[in-house]
Amino acid sequence: MATLQKKFGQMIPGLREELKALGQQSGNKVISEVTVAQAYGGMRGVKAMICDTSVVYPDKGLVIRGIPVLELTDRYPEEIFYLLLTGELPDKAALKALQKDLAERATVPAYVWKVLEAMPKNSHPMAMLDTGILVMQRESEFKKSYDKGMKKTDYWKPALEDALNLMAKLPGLAAGVYRMRFNKGKRISYKKDLDWGANYARMLGIKDPTGNFTKLIRLYLVLHSDHEGGNVSANTCHTVGSALSDAYYAVSAGLNGLAGPLHGLANQECLGWVLDTMKKFKGAPSHEQIDKYAWETLNAGKVIPGYGHAVLRVTDPRYTAFLQFGKQYLSDDPVFQTVARVYEVVPKVLERHGKAKNPWPNVDAGSGSLLYHYGLTEFPYYTVLFSVSRAMGMLSQLVINRAMGTAITRPKSVSTPWIKENVK
């Protein structure tokens, strides 16, 4: 049976040869240049790293291993992890083997809960999640194998073990954080006959008589799983991992970046703006009222959360997937109705305003309203959901980089006086 470990191991020799040939044949070719504005502007647009798991095209959005994300919305998140690593979707046997493997690894060590219980009661859920991951670093198979001594060509094996162990435990850890931080009662254990996403939904403890909340969580985990390698969380994980820090160190570092307002908090900010709009107009606003409030927001020097994207120049297909889900399962919900109307109004307002390079919504413009509908109303927790999903992308990239022997990240920095002197 082609397990994930076996499948990935079979791919590595060919990938290494391909990488070696590329370096020999084209190693001196120029693929990018950097301007002073880019150097001061966060290196936006500088092509300086490799990420084969996914690409974000300005006119198409997220494409995972050559497959547009809208073609993957009916897949289990575990299938996406398999796809990210191998470039192929698993067959039924491989999927079942992966689900069984994750279930067997899913128990969160008891000492993790003792550490989290010792934290202040008002700790941020992201700080609790990151701490829980970091506390488990003692479990790292990569660290154990490295300390014993191993060949560089074998780095990927314990790295993949770490990735599977951490991925398996994330739903239980994240759900436990939710129940602990927001006083939801005792933790709920992993159920081995359920898939990874369904377990996460179940362990949160939110009532789900129709099963639609579980469908939403699966969809959420798929849509947020990966987004190239240059975003803050993936790039940070890559940089830390390039020093041969194990997955626990690297993923925790990446999620610390995801916790920042400019990266992972956007969906709660978008929902907050929608709820403010509804509060102002005492219910689901009309198109005219949304138009008015959008102009008020812009004229006050603020942005409309959820609209615009650093790369995309079209409606984010992930937003489209959430919009389709909402229309199918909660079309009567006033918060979702407002989100849908905002989509019909705000892009036209931004086009008239003239300053937005991309007036179309990104993924965050709709996801929060769906979570809110099903009773997950604790805004500070939304980034934890994002984290469980994005860990799949970070972990797959980390394992691939260990397999390929990717070098430590070490760009050259220059000083402002150097810039002044050399760009005359």
Protein backbone atom coordinates (compact mmCIF):
# COMPACT_ATOMS: atom_id res chain seq x y z
CA MET A 1 0.00 0.00 0.00
CA ALA A 2 1.32 3.45 -0.97
CA THR A 3 1.38 5.26 2.39
CA LEU A 4 2.31 8.93 2.46
CA GLN A 5 5.76 8.11 3.83
CA LYS A 6 6.43 5.53 1.11
CA LYS A 7 5.08 7.73 -1.67
CA PHE A 8 7.15 10.72 -0.61
CA GLY A 9 10.29 8.63 -0.18
CA GLN A 10 9.94 7.28 -3.73
CA MET A 11 9.78 10.81 -5.14
CA ILE A 12 12.88 12.22 -3.50
CA PRO A 13 15.69 10.80 -5.72
CA GLY A 14 14.09 12.19 -8.88
CA LEU A 15 13.46 15.57 -7.28
CA ARG A 16 17.06 15.80 -6.10
CA GLU A 17 18.36 14.98 -9.57
CA GLU A 18 16.07 17.58 -11.09
CA LEU A 19 17.29 20.20 -8.62
CA LYS A 20 20.92 19.30 -9.27
CA ALA A 21 20.42 19.57 -13.04
CA LEU A 22 18.70 22.94 -12.72
CA GLY A 23 21.59 24.26 -10.65
CA GLN A 24 24.19 23.04 -13.14
CA GLN A 25 22.38 24.25 -16.25
CA SER A 26 20.81 27.48 -15.06
CA GLY A 27 22.48 28.40 -11.80
CA ASN A 28 23.71 31.75 -13.11
CA LYS A 29 20.44 32.83 -14.69
CA VAL A 30 18.83 35.97 -13.23
CA ILE A 31 15.19 35.50 -12.13
CA SER A 32 14.63 38.77 -10.27
CA GLU A 33 16.07 42.11 -9.31
CA VAL A 34 15.30 44.34 -6.36
CA THR A 35 14.56 48.06 -6.27
CA VAL A 36 15.23 50.41 -3.38
CA ALA A 37 11.46 50.65 -2.85
CA GLN A 38 11.22 46.86 -2.55
CA ALA A 39 14.13 46.72 -0.12
CA TYR A 40 12.38 49.22 2.13
CA GLY A 41 8.91 47.81 1.41
CA GLY A 42 9.16 44.32 2.83
CA MET A 43 10.71 42.73 -0.30
CA ARG A 44 7.27 42.70 -1.93
CA GLY A 45 7.45 41.00 -5.31
CA VAL A 46 11.12 39.97 -5.10
CA LYS A 47 11.50 36.43 -6.48
CA ALA A 48 14.01 34.95 -4.06
CA MET A 49 12.72 31.62 -2.76
CA ILE A 50 11.30 28.36 -4.07
CA CYS A 51 7.88 26.98 -3.12
CA ASP A 52 6.47 24.07 -5.11
CA THR A 53 3.43 23.33 -2.95
CA SER A 54 1.28 26.19 -4.23
CA VAL A 55 1.28 29.33 -6.36
CA VAL A 56 -0.95 32.40 -6.17
CA TYR A 57 -1.65 33.85 -9.62
CA PRO A 58 -2.93 37.46 -9.83
CA ASP A 59 -5.68 36.45 -12.27
CA LYS A 60 -6.52 32.97 -10.93
CA GLY A 61 -5.82 32.92 -7.21
CA LEU A 62 -4.53 29.94 -5.25
CA VAL A 63 -3.42 26.87 -7.20
CA ILE A 64 -2.25 23.88 -5.13
CA ARG A 65 0.11 21.58 -7.01
CA GLY A 66 -1.40 22.65 -10.31
CA ILE A 67 -5.02 22.32 -9.16
CA PRO A 68 -7.15 25.48 -8.69
CA VAL A 69 -8.40 25.58 -5.11
CA LEU A 70 -12.06 25.70 -6.20
CA GLU A 71 -11.60 22.19 -7.59
CA LEU A 72 -10.55 20.94 -4.14
CA THR A 73 -13.41 22.17 -1.98
CA ASP A 74 -15.05 18.74 -1.68
CA ARG A 75 -11.83 17.10 -0.47
CA TYR A 76 -10.80 16.16 3.06
CA PRO A 77 -8.02 18.32 4.52
CA GLU A 78 -5.86 15.19 4.87
CA GLU A 79 -6.05 14.78 1.10
CA ILE A 80 -4.71 18.30 0.70
CA PHE A 81 -1.76 17.54 2.98
CA TYR A 82 -0.99 14.45 0.89
CA LEU A 83 -1.29 16.57 -2.26
CA LEU A 84 0.97 19.31 -0.88
CA LEU A 85 3.70 16.81 -0.12
CA THR A 86 3.51 14.52 -3.13
CA GLY A 87 1.84 16.50 -5.89
CA GLU A 88 -0.88 13.86 -6.16
CA LEU A 89 -4.20 13.25 -4.42
CA PRO A 90 -4.30 9.95 -2.51
CA ASP A 91 -6.39 7.00 -3.59
CA LYS A 92 -8.92 5.61 -1.10
CA ALA A 93 -6.45 3.20 0.45
CA ALA A 94 -3.77 5.85 0.94
CA LEU A 95 -6.30 8.28 2.41
CA LYS A 96 -7.58 5.66 4.84
CA ALA A 97 -4.01 4.80 5.85
CA LEU A 98 -3.20 8.47 6.47
CA GLN A 99 -6.36 8.99 8.53
CA LYS A 100 -5.56 5.93 10.61
CA ASP A 101 -1.97 7.11 11.08
CA LEU A 102 -3.10 10.55 12.26
CA ALA A 103 -5.64 9.02 14.66
CA GLU A 104 -2.94 6.89 16.27
CA ARG A 105 -0.77 9.98 16.83
CA ALA A 106 -3.53 12.33 17.96
CA THR A 107 -3.25 12.26 21.76
CA VAL A 108 -1.86 15.49 23.23
CA PRO A 109 0.57 14.77 26.10
CA ALA A 110 -0.84 15.46 29.58
CA TYR A 111 2.04 17.79 30.48
CA VAL A 112 0.92 20.22 27.75
CA TRP A 113 -2.39 20.82 29.52
CA LYS A 114 -0.60 21.40 32.82
CA VAL A 115 1.48 24.13 31.21
CA LEU A 116 -1.54 25.76 29.56
CA GLU A 117 -3.55 25.59 32.79
CA ALA A 118 -0.75 27.51 34.50
CA MET A 119 -1.04 30.40 32.05
CA PRO A 120 -3.10 33.50 32.97
CA LYS A 121 -6.81 32.88 32.39
CA ASN A 122 -7.02 35.78 29.94
CA SER A 123 -4.09 34.63 27.78
CA HIS A 124 -4.66 35.01 24.06
CA PRO A 125 -5.68 31.73 22.39
CA MET A 126 -2.82 32.09 19.90
CA ALA A 127 -0.29 32.42 22.72
CA MET A 128 -1.76 29.27 24.26
CA LEU A 129 -1.61 27.35 20.96
CA ASP A 130 1.97 28.41 20.22
CA THR A 131 3.02 27.57 23.78
CA GLY A 132 1.42 24.14 23.52
CA ILE A 133 3.33 23.43 20.31
CA LEU A 134 6.62 24.64 21.73
CA VAL A 135 6.18 22.62 24.93
CA MET A 136 5.94 19.46 22.79
CA GLN A 137 9.37 20.13 21.24
CA ARG A 138 10.81 17.45 23.53
CA GLU A 139 8.89 14.94 21.37
CA SER A 140 10.79 15.89 18.21
CA GLU A 141 12.01 12.86 16.28
CA PHE A 142 14.20 15.13 14.16
CA LYS A 143 16.03 16.43 17.22
CA LYS A 144 16.53 12.92 18.58
CA SER A 145 17.84 11.61 15.26
CA TYR A 146 20.08 14.63 14.68
CA ASP A 147 21.65 14.27 18.11
CA LYS A 148 22.38 10.59 17.44
CA GLY A 149 23.86 11.44 14.05
CA MET A 150 22.33 10.85 10.63
CA LYS A 151 23.04 11.53 6.97
CA LYS A 152 21.75 14.77 5.47
CA THR A 153 19.90 12.73 2.86
CA ASP A 154 17.85 11.19 5.67
CA TYR A 155 16.79 14.46 7.30
CA TRP A 156 13.37 14.22 5.70
CA LYS A 157 12.42 11.00 7.49
CA PRO A 158 12.30 12.30 11.09
CA ALA A 159 11.09 15.66 9.74
CA LEU A 160 8.07 13.88 8.25
CA GLU A 161 7.53 12.04 11.54
CA ASP A 162 7.48 15.38 13.34
CA ALA A 163 5.09 16.79 10.75
CA LEU A 164 2.64 13.90 11.11
CA ASN A 165 2.85 13.94 14.91
CA LEU A 166 2.26 17.67 15.11
CA MET A 167 -0.48 17.73 12.50
CA ALA A 168 -2.27 14.87 14.26
CA LYS A 169 -2.23 16.68 17.60
CA LEU A 170 -3.19 20.14 16.37
CA PRO A 171 -6.99 19.64 16.32
CA GLY A 172 -6.98 18.30 19.88
CA LEU A 173 -4.64 21.03 21.08
CA ALA A 174 -6.55 23.81 19.33
CA ALA A 175 -9.95 22.54 20.45
CA GLY A 176 -8.66 22.12 23.99
CA VAL A 177 -7.45 25.72 23.97
CA TYR A 178 -10.91 26.84 22.86
CA ARG A 179 -12.71 24.94 25.59
CA MET A 180 -10.23 25.99 28.27
CA ARG A 181 -9.93 29.66 27.34
CA PHE A 182 -13.65 30.28 26.88
CA ASN A 183 -14.92 28.07 29.72
CA LYS A 184 -16.68 25.52 27.52
CA GLY A 185 -16.20 22.57 29.85
CA LYS A 186 -14.07 19.45 29.70
CA ARG A 187 -11.92 18.58 26.72
CA ILE A 188 -13.35 16.17 24.14
CA SER A 189 -11.18 13.27 23.01
CA TYR A 190 -10.24 12.39 19.43
CA LYS A 191 -12.55 9.80 17.86
CA LYS A 192 -10.56 7.41 15.71
CA ASP A 193 -13.33 6.56 13.26
CA LEU A 194 -13.77 10.21 12.20
CA ASP A 195 -11.64 12.14 9.75
CA TRP A 196 -9.20 14.85 10.88
CA GLY A 197 -11.46 17.82 10.12
CA ALA A 198 -14.56 16.21 11.58
CA ASN A 199 -12.62 15.51 14.76
CA TYR A 200 -11.65 19.15 15.06
CA ALA A 201 -15.27 20.24 14.65
CA ARG A 202 -16.44 17.66 17.17
CA MET A 203 -13.77 18.49 19.77
CA LEU A 204 -14.71 22.17 19.69
CA GLY A 205 -18.00 21.04 21.19
CA ILE A 206 -20.25 23.25 19.08
CA LYS A 207 -23.68 21.72 18.47
CA ASP A 208 -23.94 20.42 14.93
CA PRO A 209 -27.24 18.56 14.40
CA THR A 210 -27.16 18.98 10.61
CA GLY A 211 -23.46 18.22 10.14
CA ASN A 212 -23.04 21.50 8.28
CA PHE A 213 -20.63 22.98 10.83
CA THR A 214 -18.36 19.99 10.23
CA LYS A 215 -18.58 20.64 6.49
CA LEU A 216 -17.59 24.26 7.12
CA ILE A 217 -14.58 23.30 9.23
CA ARG A 218 -13.37 20.87 6.56
CA LEU A 219 -13.79 23.58 3.92
CA TYR A 220 -12.03 26.16 6.10
CA LEU A 221 -9.07 23.82 6.64
CA VAL A 222 -8.76 23.17 2.90
CA LEU A 223 -8.99 26.81 1.83
CA HIS A 224 -6.42 28.14 4.31
CA SER A 225 -3.95 25.25 4.00
CA ASP A 226 -1.26 26.94 1.90
CA HIS A 227 -0.60 30.22 0.12
CA GLU A 228 2.86 30.13 -1.48
CA GLY A 229 6.02 30.45 0.61
CA GLY A 230 6.42 34.20 0.98
CA ASN A 231 3.63 35.04 3.41
CA VAL A 232 4.79 35.85 6.94
CA SER A 233 3.87 32.52 8.58
CA ALA A 234 5.24 30.28 5.82
CA ASN A 235 8.34 32.42 5.31
CA THR A 236 9.09 32.52 9.04
CA CYS A 237 8.65 28.76 9.35
CA HIS A 238 10.93 28.29 6.35
CA THR A 239 13.63 30.56 7.77
CA VAL A 240 13.62 28.96 11.22
CA GLY A 241 13.51 25.49 9.71
CA SER A 242 16.44 26.31 7.41
CA ALA A 243 18.63 26.43 10.52
CA LEU A 244 17.61 22.77 11.05
CA SER A 245 15.31 23.76 13.88
CA ASP A 246 12.68 21.05 14.16
CA ALA A 247 9.00 21.37 13.23
CA TYR A 248 7.91 22.37 16.72
CA TYR A 249 10.29 25.33 16.80
CA ALA A 250 9.62 26.30 13.18
CA VAL A 251 5.82 26.01 13.16
CA SER A 252 5.50 27.79 16.50
CA ALA A 253 7.60 30.63 15.08
CA GLY A 254 5.47 30.77 11.94
CA LEU A 255 2.27 30.93 13.95
CA ASN A 256 3.67 33.78 16.03
CA GLY A 257 3.78 35.66 12.73
CA LEU A 258 0.26 34.55 11.85
CA ALA A 259 -0.94 36.13 15.10
CA GLY A 260 -0.07 39.61 13.79
CA PRO A 261 -2.88 41.98 12.81
CA LEU A 262 -1.56 42.28 9.25
CA HIS A 263 -1.63 38.52 8.65
CA GLY A 264 -4.04 36.29 10.55
CA LEU A 265 -6.49 38.65 12.23
CA ALA A 266 -8.20 39.85 9.08
CA ASN A 267 -11.29 37.64 9.20
CA GLN A 268 -12.32 38.88 12.63
CA GLU A 269 -11.75 42.48 11.53
CA CYS A 270 -13.94 41.89 8.47
CA LEU A 271 -16.74 40.41 10.57
CA GLY A 272 -16.39 43.29 13.02
CA TRP A 273 -16.96 45.82 10.21
CA VAL A 274 -20.02 43.88 9.01
CA LEU A 275 -21.48 43.77 12.53
CA ASP A 276 -20.79 47.49 12.99
CA THR A 277 -22.67 48.15 9.76
CA MET A 278 -25.63 46.11 10.99
CA LYS A 279 -25.56 47.87 14.35
CA LYS A 280 -25.55 51.28 12.68
CA PHE A 281 -28.58 50.45 10.54
CA LYS A 282 -30.33 48.23 13.12
CA GLY A 283 -30.31 45.06 11.04
CA ALA A 284 -29.19 43.81 7.64
CA PRO A 285 -28.52 47.02 5.70
CA SER A 286 -29.71 47.80 2.19
CA HIS A 287 -27.36 48.26 -0.73
CA GLU A 288 -27.73 52.04 -0.38
CA GLN A 289 -26.88 51.95 3.33
CA ILE A 290 -23.80 49.82 2.70
CA ASP A 291 -22.69 52.26 0.01
CA LYS A 292 -23.08 55.13 2.49
CA TYR A 293 -21.18 53.40 5.30
CA ALA A 294 -18.39 52.30 2.93
CA TRP A 295 -17.82 55.92 1.93
CA GLU A 296 -17.88 56.97 5.59
CA THR A 297 -15.20 54.40 6.34
CA LEU A 298 -12.98 55.47 3.45
CA ASN A 299 -13.42 59.20 4.08
CA ALA A 300 -12.35 58.64 7.69
CA GLY A 301 -9.01 57.40 6.35
CA LYS A 302 -9.76 53.76 7.16
CA VAL A 303 -9.84 50.66 4.97
CA ILE A 304 -12.73 48.29 4.39
CA PRO A 305 -11.45 45.01 5.85
CA GLY A 306 -11.41 42.01 3.55
CA TYR A 307 -11.10 43.92 0.30
CA GLY A 308 -7.84 44.04 -1.61
CA HIS A 309 -4.90 41.63 -1.72
CA ALA A 310 -1.15 41.95 -2.15
CA VAL A 311 -1.10 39.59 -5.15
CA LEU A 312 -4.63 38.98 -6.42
CA ARG A 313 -6.34 41.22 -8.94
CA VAL A 314 -9.61 39.26 -9.04
CA THR A 315 -12.09 37.99 -6.46
CA ASP A 316 -10.27 35.49 -4.25
CA PRO A 317 -11.60 32.04 -5.25
CA ARG A 318 -11.51 31.08 -1.57
CA TYR A 319 -14.02 33.87 -0.90
CA THR A 320 -16.13 32.47 -3.73
CA ALA A 321 -16.09 29.04 -2.06
CA PHE A 322 -17.26 30.51 1.26
CA LEU A 323 -19.93 32.56 -0.51
CA GLN A 324 -21.25 29.45 -2.25
CA PHE A 325 -21.31 27.59 1.07
CA GLY A 326 -23.27 30.41 2.69
CA LYS A 327 -25.81 30.56 -0.11
CA GLN A 328 -26.33 26.81 0.15
CA TYR A 329 -26.58 26.42 3.91
CA LEU A 330 -27.41 29.77 5.57
CA SER A 331 -28.93 32.08 2.99
CA ASP A 332 -31.46 33.41 5.54
CA ASP A 333 -28.83 34.48 8.07
CA PRO A 334 -28.81 38.32 8.29
CA VAL A 335 -25.06 38.50 8.91
CA PHE A 336 -24.34 36.39 5.84
CA GLN A 337 -26.88 38.39 3.83
CA THR A 338 -24.94 41.52 4.76
CA VAL A 339 -21.67 39.93 3.67
CA ALA A 340 -23.22 39.01 0.32
CA ARG A 341 -24.58 42.54 -0.17
CA VAL A 342 -21.24 44.09 0.77
CA TYR A 343 -19.73 42.04 -2.08
CA GLU A 344 -22.27 43.57 -4.48
CA VAL A 345 -21.54 47.13 -3.32
CA VAL A 346 -18.02 47.64 -2.00
CA PRO A 347 -15.97 46.78 -5.13
CA LYS A 348 -17.87 49.51 -7.03
CA VAL A 349 -17.23 51.97 -4.20
CA LEU A 350 -13.51 51.15 -4.20
CA GLU A 351 -13.34 51.53 -7.98
CA ARG A 352 -14.91 54.99 -7.70
CA HIS A 353 -12.61 55.83 -4.81
CA GLY A 354 -9.69 55.02 -7.09
CA LYS A 355 -6.95 54.18 -4.60
CA ALA A 356 -7.34 50.41 -4.27
CA LYS A 357 -5.24 48.37 -6.70
CA ASN A 358 -7.63 45.47 -6.19
CA PRO A 359 -11.24 46.27 -5.19
CA TRP A 360 -12.25 42.61 -4.92
CA PRO A 361 -12.69 40.57 -1.72
CA ASN A 362 -10.11 38.22 -0.28
CA VAL A 363 -10.82 35.06 1.70
CA ASP A 364 -11.29 36.93 4.98
CA ALA A 365 -14.29 38.92 3.76
CA GLY A 366 -16.66 35.99 4.23
CA SER A 367 -15.26 33.29 6.50
CA GLY A 368 -16.00 34.99 9.81
CA SER A 369 -19.73 35.32 9.14
CA LEU A 370 -20.02 31.56 8.59
CA LEU A 371 -18.25 30.72 11.84
CA TYR A 372 -20.41 33.27 13.64
CA HIS A 373 -23.59 31.68 12.32
CA TYR A 374 -22.77 28.30 13.84
CA GLY A 375 -22.02 29.76 17.26
CA LEU A 376 -18.27 30.18 17.13
CA THR A 377 -18.48 33.84 18.15
CA GLU A 378 -15.21 34.26 20.06
CA PHE A 379 -13.25 36.52 17.68
CA PRO A 380 -9.81 36.01 19.27
CA TYR A 381 -10.06 32.31 18.46
CA TYR A 382 -10.46 32.74 14.70
CA THR A 383 -6.71 32.90 14.09
CA VAL A 384 -6.30 29.55 15.86
CA LEU A 385 -8.57 27.99 13.23
CA PHE A 386 -6.41 29.60 10.56
CA SER A 387 -3.33 28.16 12.29
CA VAL A 388 -4.52 24.56 12.28
CA SER A 389 -5.07 24.84 8.55
CA ARG A 390 -1.92 26.79 7.62
CA ALA A 391 0.22 24.32 9.57
CA MET A 392 -0.41 21.84 6.73
CA GLY A 393 1.32 24.15 4.28
CA MET A 394 4.15 25.03 6.63
CA LEU A 395 4.80 21.40 7.53
CA SER A 396 4.73 20.16 3.94
CA GLN A 397 7.15 22.89 2.86
CA LEU A 398 9.40 22.10 5.82
CA VAL A 399 9.59 18.38 4.99
CA ILE A 400 10.23 19.07 1.31
CA ASN A 401 13.05 21.47 2.17
CA ARG A 402 14.71 18.88 4.40
CA ALA A 403 14.41 16.32 1.60
CA MET A 404 15.93 18.71 -0.93
CA GLY A 405 18.72 19.87 1.37
CA THR A 406 17.65 23.49 1.07
CA ALA A 407 20.30 25.90 2.32
CA ILE A 408 19.99 28.06 5.41
CA THR A 409 18.25 31.36 4.68
CA ARG A 410 20.75 34.20 4.81
CA PRO A 411 19.99 37.22 2.60
CA LYS A 412 22.51 40.03 2.53
CA SER A 413 21.46 43.23 4.26
CA VAL A 414 22.78 46.70 3.42
CA SER A 415 22.64 49.99 5.29
CA THR A 416 20.84 53.20 4.43
CA PRO A 417 24.20 54.99 3.89
CA TRP A 418 25.14 52.19 1.43
CA ILE A 419 21.87 52.77 -0.43
CA LYS A 420 22.50 56.51 -0.61
CA GLU A 421 26.01 55.97 -1.87
CA ASN A 422 25.28 53.26 -4.42
CA VAL A 423 22.09 54.44 -6.10
CA LYS A 424 23.30 57.90 -7.14
